[in-house]
């Protein structure tokens, strides 16, 4: 009996690919040789005055840009935040893994 229990435990605890009940839980682990993928969400409103400092700090991160996804949203700006973000994203989007741009000028 204990031998059977030990056999079952060894099968359950055996290291291997990630298992999960739901399909979204079945993912392959990240490579130990690459930096982990990460997403930065930028939610900006009326921040044109500080965006150059903030965006340059993102550019200066000591992290591979091809492992960073950017999700950028802005809405209802009284200044030119949308134009500053759009110009910056056009210049850097090819460096990053993925860029999602969500501007909204008028309320829904």
PDB file of N, CA and C in Angstrom:
ATOM      1  N   UNK A   1       0.824  -1.195   0.000  1.00  0.00           N
ATOM      2  CA  UNK A   1       0.000   0.000   0.000  1.00  0.00           C
ATOM      3  C   UNK A   1       0.868   1.258   0.000  1.00  0.00           C
ATOM      4  N   UNK A   2       1.863   1.297   0.870  1.00  0.00           N
ATOM      5  CA  UNK A   2       2.732   2.475   0.930  1.00  0.00           C
ATOM      6  C   UNK A   2       3.559   2.603  -0.351  1.00  0.00           C
ATOM      7  N   UNK A   3       3.877   1.464  -0.943  1.00  0.00           N
ATOM      8  CA  UNK A   3       4.630   1.507  -2.194  1.00  0.00           C
ATOM      9  C   UNK A   3       3.784   2.133  -3.313  1.00  0.00           C
ATOM     10  N   UNK A   4       2.508   1.784  -3.366  1.00  0.00           N
ATOM     11  CA  UNK A   4       1.599   2.347  -4.354  1.00  0.00           C
ATOM     12  C   UNK A   4       1.430   3.846  -4.128  1.00  0.00           C
ATOM     13  N   UNK A   5       1.277   4.244  -2.884  1.00  0.00           N
ATOM     14  CA  UNK A   5       1.147   5.652  -2.545  1.00  0.00           C
ATOM     15  C   UNK A   5       2.401   6.420  -2.943  1.00  0.00           C
ATOM     16  N   UNK A   6       3.551   5.852  -2.682  1.00  0.00           N
ATOM     17  CA  UNK A   6       4.815   6.484  -3.051  1.00  0.00           C
ATOM     18  C   UNK A   6       4.934   6.627  -4.574  1.00  0.00           C
ATOM     19  N   UNK A   7       4.500   5.616  -5.306  1.00  0.00           N
ATOM     20  CA  UNK A   7       4.520   5.666  -6.774  1.00  0.00           C
ATOM     21  C   UNK A   7       3.602   6.776  -7.291  1.00  0.00           C
ATOM     22  N   UNK A   8       2.400   6.879  -6.733  1.00  0.00           N
ATOM     23  CA  UNK A   8       1.465   7.914  -7.153  1.00  0.00           C
ATOM     24  C   UNK A   8       2.001   9.303  -6.842  1.00  0.00           C
ATOM     25  N   UNK A   9       2.587   9.469  -5.678  1.00  0.00           N
ATOM     26  CA  UNK A   9       3.159  10.767  -5.315  1.00  0.00           C
ATOM     27  C   UNK A   9       4.305  11.150  -6.236  1.00  0.00           C
ATOM     28  N   UNK A  10       5.126  10.188  -6.595  1.00  0.00           N
ATOM     29  CA  UNK A  10       6.250  10.499  -7.479  1.00  0.00           C
ATOM     30  C   UNK A  10       5.760  10.920  -8.862  1.00  0.00           C
ATOM     31  N   UNK A  11       4.647  10.336  -9.323  1.00  0.00           N
ATOM     32  CA  UNK A  11       4.084  10.744 -10.608  1.00  0.00           C
ATOM     33  C   UNK A  11       3.487  12.152 -10.540  1.00  0.00           C
ATOM     34  N   UNK A  12       2.820  12.472  -9.438  1.00  0.00           N
ATOM     35  CA  UNK A  12       2.197  13.780  -9.294  1.00  0.00           C
ATOM     36  C   UNK A  12       3.219  14.890  -9.101  1.00  0.00           C
ATOM     37  N   UNK A  13       4.281  14.595  -8.399  1.00  0.00           N
ATOM     38  CA  UNK A  13       5.282  15.616  -8.087  1.00  0.00           C
ATOM     39  C   UNK A  13       6.420  15.650  -9.090  1.00  0.00           C
ATOM     40  N   UNK A  14       6.333  14.832 -10.107  1.00  0.00           N
ATOM     41  CA  UNK A  14       7.369  14.782 -11.128  1.00  0.00           C
ATOM     42  C   UNK A  14       7.457  16.126 -11.863  1.00  0.00           C
ATOM     43  N   UNK A  15       8.644  16.708 -11.912  1.00  0.00           N
ATOM     44  CA  UNK A  15       8.763  17.973 -12.640  1.00  0.00           C
ATOM     45  C   UNK A  15       8.558  17.750 -14.134  1.00  0.00           C
ATOM     46  N   UNK A  16       7.954  18.700 -14.757  1.00  0.00           N
ATOM     47  CA  UNK A  16       7.686  18.599 -16.185  1.00  0.00           C
ATOM     48  C   UNK A  16       6.987  19.847 -16.657  1.00  0.00           C
ATOM     49  N   UNK A  17       6.369  19.778 -17.820  1.00  0.00           N
ATOM     50  CA  UNK A  17       5.673  20.968 -18.317  1.00  0.00           C
ATOM     51  C   UNK A  17       4.534  21.349 -17.388  1.00  0.00           C
ATOM     52  N   UNK A  18       4.201  22.622 -17.377  1.00  0.00           N
ATOM     53  CA  UNK A  18       3.142  23.123 -16.515  1.00  0.00           C
ATOM     54  C   UNK A  18       1.818  22.465 -16.894  1.00  0.00           C
ATOM     55  N   UNK A  19       1.075  22.081 -15.870  1.00  0.00           N
ATOM     56  CA  UNK A  19      -0.232  21.467 -16.090  1.00  0.00           C
ATOM     57  C   UNK A  19      -1.294  22.373 -15.495  1.00  0.00           C
ATOM     58  N   UNK A  20      -2.485  22.310 -16.037  1.00  0.00           N
ATOM     59  CA  UNK A  20      -3.581  23.084 -15.493  1.00  0.00           C
ATOM     60  C   UNK A  20      -4.895  22.531 -15.982  1.00  0.00           C
ATOM     61  N   UNK A  21      -5.934  22.819 -15.244  1.00  0.00           N
ATOM     62  CA  UNK A  21      -7.253  22.329 -15.601  1.00  0.00           C
ATOM     63  C   UNK A  21      -7.822  23.119 -16.775  1.00  0.00           C
ATOM     64  N   UNK A  22      -7.697  24.447 -16.715  1.00  0.00           N
ATOM     65  CA  UNK A  22      -8.225  25.298 -17.771  1.00  0.00           C
ATOM     66  C   UNK A  22      -7.152  25.538 -18.823  1.00  0.00           C
ATOM     67  N   UNK A  23      -7.561  25.726 -20.086  1.00  0.00           N
ATOM     68  CA  UNK A  23      -6.567  25.938 -21.154  1.00  0.00           C
ATOM     69  C   UNK A  23      -5.647  27.125 -20.886  1.00  0.00           C
ATOM     70  N   UNK A  24      -6.175  28.213 -20.288  1.00  0.00           N
ATOM     71  CA  UNK A  24      -5.314  29.365 -20.045  1.00  0.00           C
ATOM     72  C   UNK A  24      -4.281  29.117 -18.958  1.00  0.00           C
ATOM     73  N   UNK A  25      -4.449  28.036 -18.191  1.00  0.00           N
ATOM     74  CA  UNK A  25      -3.453  27.688 -17.183  1.00  0.00           C
ATOM     75  C   UNK A  25      -2.302  26.871 -17.767  1.00  0.00           C
ATOM     76  N   UNK A  26      -2.486  26.348 -18.948  1.00  0.00           N
ATOM     77  CA  UNK A  26      -1.452  25.526 -19.578  1.00  0.00           C
ATOM     78  C   UNK A  26      -0.522  26.415 -20.380  1.00  0.00           C
ATOM     79  N   UNK A  27       0.509  26.859 -19.767  1.00  0.00           N
ATOM     80  CA  UNK A  27       1.468  27.744 -20.416  1.00  0.00           C
ATOM     81  C   UNK A  27       2.847  27.151 -20.254  1.00  0.00           C
ATOM     82  N   UNK A  28       3.694  27.470 -21.181  1.00  0.00           N
ATOM     83  CA  UNK A  28       5.066  26.993 -21.057  1.00  0.00           C
ATOM     84  C   UNK A  28       5.841  28.016 -20.243  1.00  0.00           C
ATOM     85  N   UNK A  29       6.678  27.555 -19.348  1.00  0.00           N
ATOM     86  CA  UNK A  29       7.429  28.486 -18.507  1.00  0.00           C
ATOM     87  C   UNK A  29       8.392  29.333 -19.326  1.00  0.00           C
ATOM     88  N   UNK A  30       8.707  30.489 -18.777  1.00  0.00           N
ATOM     89  CA  UNK A  30       9.658  31.391 -19.437  1.00  0.00           C
ATOM     90  C   UNK A  30      11.040  30.737 -19.510  1.00  0.00           C
ATOM     91  N   UNK A  31      11.784  31.154 -20.471  1.00  0.00           N
ATOM     92  CA  UNK A  31      13.143  30.664 -20.606  1.00  0.00           C
ATOM     93  C   UNK A  31      14.005  31.202 -19.468  1.00  0.00           C
ATOM     94  N   UNK A  32      14.828  30.362 -18.857  1.00  0.00           N
ATOM     95  CA  UNK A  32      15.709  30.858 -17.800  1.00  0.00           C
ATOM     96  C   UNK A  32      16.833  31.736 -18.346  1.00  0.00           C
ATOM     97  N   UNK A  33      17.011  31.752 -19.671  1.00  0.00           N
ATOM     98  CA  UNK A  33      18.085  32.538 -20.269  1.00  0.00           C
ATOM     99  C   UNK A  33      17.648  33.943 -20.660  1.00  0.00           C
ATOM    100  N   UNK A  34      16.337  34.165 -20.769  1.00  0.00           N
ATOM    101  CA  UNK A  34      15.828  35.471 -21.183  1.00  0.00           C
ATOM    102  C   UNK A  34      15.248  36.218 -19.998  1.00  0.00           C
ATOM    103  N   UNK A  35      15.259  37.522 -20.083  1.00  0.00           N
ATOM    104  CA  UNK A  35      14.583  38.320 -19.061  1.00  0.00           C
ATOM    105  C   UNK A  35      13.080  38.058 -19.170  1.00  0.00           C
ATOM    106  N   UNK A  36      12.350  38.127 -18.070  1.00  0.00           N
ATOM    107  CA  UNK A  36      10.904  37.873 -18.143  1.00  0.00           C
ATOM    108  C   UNK A  36      10.188  38.941 -18.956  1.00  0.00           C
ATOM    109  N   UNK A  37       9.076  38.559 -19.579  1.00  0.00           N
ATOM    110  CA  UNK A  37       8.269  39.536 -20.292  1.00  0.00           C
ATOM    111  C   UNK A  37       7.488  40.356 -19.278  1.00  0.00           C
ATOM    112  N   UNK A  38       7.331  41.634 -19.571  1.00  0.00           N
ATOM    113  CA  UNK A  38       6.596  42.506 -18.671  1.00  0.00           C
ATOM    114  C   UNK A  38       5.790  43.515 -19.472  1.00  0.00           C
ATOM    115  N   UNK A  39       4.735  44.019 -18.863  1.00  0.00           N
ATOM    116  CA  UNK A  39       3.903  45.017 -19.529  1.00  0.00           C
ATOM    117  C   UNK A  39       3.874  46.274 -18.677  1.00  0.00           C
ATOM    118  N   UNK A  40       4.058  47.401 -19.342  1.00  0.00           N
ATOM    119  CA  UNK A  40       3.934  48.697 -18.693  1.00  0.00           C
ATOM    120  C   UNK A  40       2.647  49.338 -19.177  1.00  0.00           C
ATOM    121  N   UNK A  41       1.788  49.716 -18.250  1.00  0.00           N
ATOM    122  CA  UNK A  41       0.550  50.413 -18.591  1.00  0.00           C
ATOM    123  C   UNK A  41       0.731  51.890 -18.277  1.00  0.00           C
ATOM    124  N   UNK A  42       0.543  52.725 -19.270  1.00  0.00           N
ATOM    125  CA  UNK A  42       0.646  54.174 -19.091  1.00  0.00           C
ATOM    126  C   UNK A  42      -0.743  54.765 -19.274  1.00  0.00           C
ATOM    127  N   UNK A  43      -1.278  55.332 -18.212  1.00  0.00           N
ATOM    128  CA  UNK A  43      -2.582  55.988 -18.244  1.00  0.00           C
ATOM    129  C   UNK A  43      -2.316  57.467 -18.025  1.00  0.00           C
ATOM    130  N   UNK A  44      -2.495  58.263 -19.053  1.00  0.00           N
ATOM    131  CA  UNK A  44      -2.074  59.667 -19.018  1.00  0.00           C
ATOM    132  C   UNK A  44      -3.232  60.601 -19.307  1.00  0.00           C
ATOM    133  N   UNK A  45      -3.312  61.657 -18.514  1.00  0.00           N
ATOM    134  CA  UNK A  45      -4.295  62.716 -18.764  1.00  0.00           C
ATOM    135  C   UNK A  45      -3.686  64.046 -18.325  1.00  0.00           C
ATOM    136  N   UNK A  46      -3.683  65.013 -19.229  1.00  0.00           N
ATOM    137  CA  UNK A  46      -3.163  66.356 -18.954  1.00  0.00           C
ATOM    138  C   UNK A  46      -1.765  66.312 -18.329  1.00  0.00           C
ATOM    139  N   UNK A  47      -0.898  65.546 -18.918  1.00  0.00           N
ATOM    140  CA  UNK A  47       0.444  65.380 -18.357  1.00  0.00           C
ATOM    141  C   UNK A  47       1.539  65.728 -19.356  1.00  0.00           C
ATOM    142  N   UNK A  48       1.253  66.556 -20.328  1.00  0.00           N
ATOM    143  CA  UNK A  48       2.245  66.914 -21.345  1.00  0.00           C
ATOM    144  C   UNK A  48       3.482  67.550 -20.722  1.00  0.00           C
ATOM    145  N   UNK A  49       3.313  68.255 -19.608  1.00  0.00           N
ATOM    146  CA  UNK A  49       4.449  68.927 -18.973  1.00  0.00           C
ATOM    147  C   UNK A  49       5.458  67.951 -18.378  1.00  0.00           C
ATOM    148  N   UNK A  50       5.005  66.765 -17.940  1.00  0.00           N
ATOM    149  CA  UNK A  50       5.924  65.815 -17.317  1.00  0.00           C
ATOM    150  C   UNK A  50       6.234  64.601 -18.187  1.00  0.00           C
ATOM    151  N   UNK A  51       5.526  64.429 -19.292  1.00  0.00           N
ATOM    152  CA  UNK A  51       5.750  63.259 -20.147  1.00  0.00           C
ATOM    153  C   UNK A  51       7.174  63.118 -20.674  1.00  0.00           C
ATOM    154  N   UNK A  52       7.845  64.181 -21.101  1.00  0.00           N
ATOM    155  CA  UNK A  52       9.218  63.988 -21.585  1.00  0.00           C
ATOM    156  C   UNK A  52      10.139  63.335 -20.539  1.00  0.00           C
ATOM    157  N   UNK A  53      10.000  63.714 -19.286  1.00  0.00           N
ATOM    158  CA  UNK A  53      10.822  63.123 -18.224  1.00  0.00           C
ATOM    159  C   UNK A  53      10.434  61.668 -17.988  1.00  0.00           C
ATOM    160  N   UNK A  54       9.136  61.419 -17.953  1.00  0.00           N
ATOM    161  CA  UNK A  54       8.636  60.076 -17.701  1.00  0.00           C
ATOM    162  C   UNK A  54       8.991  59.120 -18.838  1.00  0.00           C
ATOM    163  N   UNK A  55       8.785  59.553 -20.071  1.00  0.00           N
ATOM    164  CA  UNK A  55       9.056  58.694 -21.223  1.00  0.00           C
ATOM    165  C   UNK A  55      10.551  58.434 -21.390  1.00  0.00           C
ATOM    166  N   UNK A  56      11.379  59.424 -21.063  1.00  0.00           N
ATOM    167  CA  UNK A  56      12.829  59.176 -21.147  1.00  0.00           C
ATOM    168  C   UNK A  56      13.276  58.198 -20.074  1.00  0.00           C
ATOM    169  N   UNK A  57      12.615  58.197 -18.929  1.00  0.00           N
ATOM    170  CA  UNK A  57      12.977  57.209 -17.902  1.00  0.00           C
ATOM    171  C   UNK A  57      12.605  55.798 -18.348  1.00  0.00           C
ATOM    172  N   UNK A  58      11.519  55.653 -19.101  1.00  0.00           N
ATOM    173  CA  UNK A  58      11.159  54.339 -19.650  1.00  0.00           C
ATOM    174  C   UNK A  58      12.200  53.914 -20.683  1.00  0.00           C
ATOM    175  N   UNK A  59      12.620  54.842 -21.528  1.00  0.00           N
ATOM    176  CA  UNK A  59      13.635  54.524 -22.532  1.00  0.00           C
ATOM    177  C   UNK A  59      14.965  54.130 -21.895  1.00  0.00           C
ATOM    178  N   UNK A  60      15.267  54.686 -20.727  1.00  0.00           N
ATOM    179  CA  UNK A  60      16.548  54.424 -20.070  1.00  0.00           C
ATOM    180  C   UNK A  60      16.528  53.226 -19.141  1.00  0.00           C
ATOM    181  N   UNK A  61      15.434  52.484 -19.098  1.00  0.00           N
ATOM    182  CA  UNK A  61      15.381  51.295 -18.239  1.00  0.00           C
ATOM    183  C   UNK A  61      16.465  50.303 -18.653  1.00  0.00           C
ATOM    184  N   UNK A  62      17.053  49.677 -17.674  1.00  0.00           N
ATOM    185  CA  UNK A  62      18.070  48.657 -17.928  1.00  0.00           C
ATOM    186  C   UNK A  62      17.367  47.303 -18.062  1.00  0.00           C
ATOM    187  N   UNK A  63      16.580  47.152 -19.108  1.00  0.00           N
ATOM    188  CA  UNK A  63      15.787  45.954 -19.356  1.00  0.00           C
ATOM    189  C   UNK A  63      15.606  45.846 -20.862  1.00  0.00           C
ATOM    190  N   UNK A  64      15.691  44.645 -21.422  1.00  0.00           N
ATOM    191  CA  UNK A  64      15.566  44.509 -22.884  1.00  0.00           C
ATOM    192  C   UNK A  64      14.198  44.983 -23.382  1.00  0.00           C
ATOM    193  N   UNK A  65      14.207  45.909 -24.300  1.00  0.00           N
ATOM    194  CA  UNK A  65      12.959  46.482 -24.801  1.00  0.00           C
ATOM    195  C   UNK A  65      12.117  45.454 -25.565  1.00  0.00           C
ATOM    196  N   UNK A  66      12.753  44.466 -26.158  1.00  0.00           N
ATOM    197  CA  UNK A  66      11.986  43.460 -26.884  1.00  0.00           C
ATOM    198  C   UNK A  66      11.252  42.507 -25.941  1.00  0.00           C
ATOM    199  N   UNK A  67      11.420  42.686 -24.638  1.00  0.00           N
ATOM    200  CA  UNK A  67      10.698  41.888 -23.638  1.00  0.00           C
ATOM    201  C   UNK A  67       9.666  42.739 -22.898  1.00  0.00           C
ATOM    202  N   UNK A  68       9.447  43.968 -23.375  1.00  0.00           N
ATOM    203  CA  UNK A  68       8.487  44.883 -22.747  1.00  0.00           C
ATOM    204  C   UNK A  68       7.334  45.145 -23.703  1.00  0.00           C
ATOM    205  N   UNK A  69       6.110  45.041 -23.186  1.00  0.00           N
ATOM    206  CA  UNK A  69       4.917  45.440 -23.931  1.00  0.00           C
ATOM    207  C   UNK A  69       4.408  46.741 -23.310  1.00  0.00           C
ATOM    208  N   UNK A  70       3.956  47.646 -24.149  1.00  0.00           N
ATOM    209  CA  UNK A  70       3.426  48.927 -23.679  1.00  0.00           C
ATOM    210  C   UNK A  70       1.929  48.991 -23.975  1.00  0.00           C
ATOM    211  N   UNK A  71       1.156  49.369 -22.969  1.00  0.00           N
ATOM    212  CA  UNK A  71      -0.272  49.612 -23.129  1.00  0.00           C
ATOM    213  C   UNK A  71      -0.494  51.056 -22.723  1.00  0.00           C
ATOM    214  N   UNK A  72      -0.830  51.907 -23.685  1.00  0.00           N
ATOM    215  CA  UNK A  72      -0.891  53.347 -23.454  1.00  0.00           C
ATOM    216  C   UNK A  72      -2.302  53.847 -23.740  1.00  0.00           C
ATOM    217  N   UNK A  73      -2.906  54.521 -22.750  1.00  0.00           N
ATOM    218  CA  UNK A  73      -4.248  55.068 -22.904  1.00  0.00           C
ATOM    219  C   UNK A  73      -4.267  56.512 -22.429  1.00  0.00           C
ATOM    220  N   UNK A  74      -5.073  57.318 -23.100  1.00  0.00           N
ATOM    221  CA  UNK A  74      -5.239  58.713 -22.724  1.00  0.00           C
ATOM    222  C   UNK A  74      -6.620  59.174 -23.152  1.00  0.00           C
ATOM    223  N   UNK A  75      -7.179  60.114 -22.393  1.00  0.00           N
ATOM    224  CA  UNK A  75      -8.487  60.647 -22.765  1.00  0.00           C
ATOM    225  C   UNK A  75      -8.725  62.014 -22.137  1.00  0.00           C
ATOM    226  N   UNK A  76      -9.608  62.794 -22.757  1.00  0.00           N
ATOM    227  CA  UNK A  76     -10.096  64.076 -22.248  1.00  0.00           C
ATOM    228  C   UNK A  76      -8.977  65.027 -21.824  1.00  0.00           C
ATOM    229  N   UNK A  77      -8.006  65.220 -22.668  1.00  0.00           N
ATOM    230  CA  UNK A  77      -6.877  66.090 -22.345  1.00  0.00           C
ATOM    231  C   UNK A  77      -7.169  67.547 -22.723  1.00  0.00           C
ATOM    232  N   UNK A  78      -6.762  68.444 -21.834  1.00  0.00           N
ATOM    233  CA  UNK A  78      -6.865  69.875 -22.126  1.00  0.00           C
ATOM    234  C   UNK A  78      -5.566  70.390 -22.736  1.00  0.00           C
ATOM    235  N   UNK A  79      -4.504  69.610 -22.648  1.00  0.00           N
ATOM    236  CA  UNK A  79      -3.212  69.990 -23.238  1.00  0.00           C
ATOM    237  C   UNK A  79      -2.891  69.041 -24.387  1.00  0.00           C
ATOM    238  N   UNK A  80      -1.647  68.994 -24.820  1.00  0.00           N
ATOM    239  CA  UNK A  80      -1.299  68.149 -25.972  1.00  0.00           C
ATOM    240  C   UNK A  80      -0.671  66.814 -25.556  1.00  0.00           C
ATOM    241  N   UNK A  81      -1.194  66.197 -24.499  1.00  0.00           N
ATOM    242  CA  UNK A  81      -0.717  64.889 -24.046  1.00  0.00           C
ATOM    243  C   UNK A  81      -0.837  63.847 -25.149  1.00  0.00           C
ATOM    244  N   UNK A  82      -1.958  63.839 -25.857  1.00  0.00           N
ATOM    245  CA  UNK A  82      -2.176  62.854 -26.919  1.00  0.00           C
ATOM    246  C   UNK A  82      -1.116  62.981 -28.002  1.00  0.00           C
ATOM    247  N   UNK A  83      -0.802  64.198 -28.411  1.00  0.00           N
ATOM    248  CA  UNK A  83       0.194  64.409 -29.469  1.00  0.00           C
ATOM    249  C   UNK A  83       1.581  63.994 -29.004  1.00  0.00           C
ATOM    250  N   UNK A  84       1.935  64.303 -27.752  1.00  0.00           N
ATOM    251  CA  UNK A  84       3.251  63.923 -27.221  1.00  0.00           C
ATOM    252  C   UNK A  84       3.385  62.404 -27.188  1.00  0.00           C
ATOM    253  N   UNK A  85       2.347  61.717 -26.690  1.00  0.00           N
ATOM    254  CA  UNK A  85       2.388  60.255 -26.628  1.00  0.00           C
ATOM    255  C   UNK A  85       2.445  59.640 -28.021  1.00  0.00           C
ATOM    256  N   UNK A  86       1.622  60.142 -28.927  1.00  0.00           N
ATOM    257  CA  UNK A  86       1.601  59.598 -30.287  1.00  0.00           C
ATOM    258  C   UNK A  86       2.964  59.740 -30.958  1.00  0.00           C
ATOM    259  N   UNK A  87       3.557  60.900 -30.833  1.00  0.00           N
ATOM    260  CA  UNK A  87       4.879  61.132 -31.440  1.00  0.00           C
ATOM    261  C   UNK A  87       5.924  60.195 -30.838  1.00  0.00           C
ATOM    262  N   UNK A  88       5.898  60.018 -29.523  1.00  0.00           N
ATOM    263  CA  UNK A  88       6.863  59.142 -28.869  1.00  0.00           C
ATOM    264  C   UNK A  88       6.651  57.692 -29.301  1.00  0.00           C
ATOM    265  N   UNK A  89       5.407  57.247 -29.332  1.00  0.00           N
ATOM    266  CA  UNK A  89       5.117  55.861 -29.708  1.00  0.00           C
ATOM    267  C   UNK A  89       5.520  55.555 -31.147  1.00  0.00           C
ATOM    268  N   UNK A  90       5.313  56.507 -32.051  1.00  0.00           N
ATOM    269  CA  UNK A  90       5.727  56.300 -33.441  1.00  0.00           C
ATOM    270  C   UNK A  90       7.232  56.079 -33.519  1.00  0.00           C
ATOM    271  N   UNK A  91       7.975  56.793 -32.697  1.00  0.00           N
ATOM    272  CA  UNK A  91       9.432  56.674 -32.723  1.00  0.00           C
ATOM    273  C   UNK A  91       9.991  55.412 -32.078  1.00  0.00           C
ATOM    274  N   UNK A  92       9.266  54.859 -31.090  1.00  0.00           N
ATOM    275  CA  UNK A  92       9.841  53.732 -30.339  1.00  0.00           C
ATOM    276  C   UNK A  92       9.108  52.411 -30.512  1.00  0.00           C
ATOM    277  N   UNK A  93       7.977  52.405 -31.209  1.00  0.00           N
ATOM    278  CA  UNK A  93       7.178  51.181 -31.239  1.00  0.00           C
ATOM    279  C   UNK A  93       7.910  49.980 -31.821  1.00  0.00           C
ATOM    280  N   UNK A  94       8.834  50.186 -32.715  1.00  0.00           N
ATOM    281  CA  UNK A  94       9.557  49.052 -33.306  1.00  0.00           C
ATOM    282  C   UNK A  94      10.552  48.430 -32.322  1.00  0.00           C
ATOM    283  N   UNK A  95      10.891  49.126 -31.262  1.00  0.00           N
ATOM    284  CA  UNK A  95      11.853  48.606 -30.281  1.00  0.00           C
ATOM    285  C   UNK A  95      11.207  47.659 -29.280  1.00  0.00           C
ATOM    286  N   UNK A  96       9.911  47.803 -29.058  1.00  0.00           N
ATOM    287  CA  UNK A  96       9.221  47.062 -28.010  1.00  0.00           C
ATOM    288  C   UNK A  96       8.515  45.832 -28.552  1.00  0.00           C
ATOM    289  N   UNK A  97       8.281  44.874 -27.667  1.00  0.00           N
ATOM    290  CA  UNK A  97       7.639  43.618 -28.035  1.00  0.00           C
ATOM    291  C   UNK A  97       6.241  43.852 -28.607  1.00  0.00           C
ATOM    292  N   UNK A  98       5.471  44.713 -27.960  1.00  0.00           N
ATOM    293  CA  UNK A  98       4.095  44.979 -28.382  1.00  0.00           C
ATOM    294  C   UNK A  98       3.702  46.361 -27.877  1.00  0.00           C
ATOM    295  N   UNK A  99       2.948  47.098 -28.684  1.00  0.00           N
ATOM    296  CA  UNK A  99       2.465  48.426 -28.291  1.00  0.00           C
ATOM    297  C   UNK A  99       0.971  48.508 -28.583  1.00  0.00           C
ATOM    298  N   UNK A 100       0.187  48.833 -27.571  1.00  0.00           N
ATOM    299  CA  UNK A 100      -1.252  49.056 -27.709  1.00  0.00           C
ATOM    300  C   UNK A 100      -1.520  50.525 -27.418  1.00  0.00           C
ATOM    301  N   UNK A 101      -2.146  51.232 -28.358  1.00  0.00           N
ATOM    302  CA  UNK A 101      -2.389  52.671 -28.249  1.00  0.00           C
ATOM    303  C   UNK A 101      -3.896  52.898 -28.204  1.00  0.00           C
ATOM    304  N   UNK A 102      -4.380  53.498 -27.110  1.00  0.00           N
ATOM    305  CA  UNK A 102      -5.807  53.722 -26.926  1.00  0.00           C
ATOM    306  C   UNK A 102      -6.113  55.179 -26.600  1.00  0.00           C
ATOM    307  N   UNK A 103      -6.129  56.050 -27.593  1.00  0.00           N
ATOM    308  CA  UNK A 103      -6.519  57.434 -27.328  1.00  0.00           C
ATOM    309  C   UNK A 103      -8.040  57.574 -27.411  1.00  0.00           C
ATOM    310  N   UNK A 104      -8.580  58.467 -26.619  1.00  0.00           N
ATOM    311  CA  UNK A 104     -10.004  58.778 -26.707  1.00  0.00           C
ATOM    312  C   UNK A 104     -10.182  60.256 -26.430  1.00  0.00           C
ATOM    313  N   UNK A 105     -10.674  60.969 -27.399  1.00  0.00           N
ATOM    314  CA  UNK A 105     -10.813  62.415 -27.270  1.00  0.00           C
ATOM    315  C   UNK A 105     -12.150  62.832 -26.685  1.00  0.00           C
ATOM    316  N   UNK A 106     -13.193  62.066 -26.935  1.00  0.00           N
ATOM    317  CA  UNK A 106     -14.515  62.437 -26.461  1.00  0.00           C
ATOM    318  C   UNK A 106     -15.088  61.322 -25.608  1.00  0.00           C
ATOM    319  N   UNK A 107     -15.928  61.665 -24.610  1.00  0.00           N
ATOM    320  CA  UNK A 107     -16.544  60.626 -23.781  1.00  0.00           C
ATOM    321  C   UNK A 107     -17.489  59.747 -24.599  1.00  0.00           C
ATOM    322  N   UNK A 108     -17.663  58.518 -24.137  1.00  0.00           N
ATOM    323  CA  UNK A 108     -18.562  57.577 -24.820  1.00  0.00           C
ATOM    324  C   UNK A 108     -20.002  57.942 -24.603  1.00  0.00           C
TER     325      UNK A 108
END
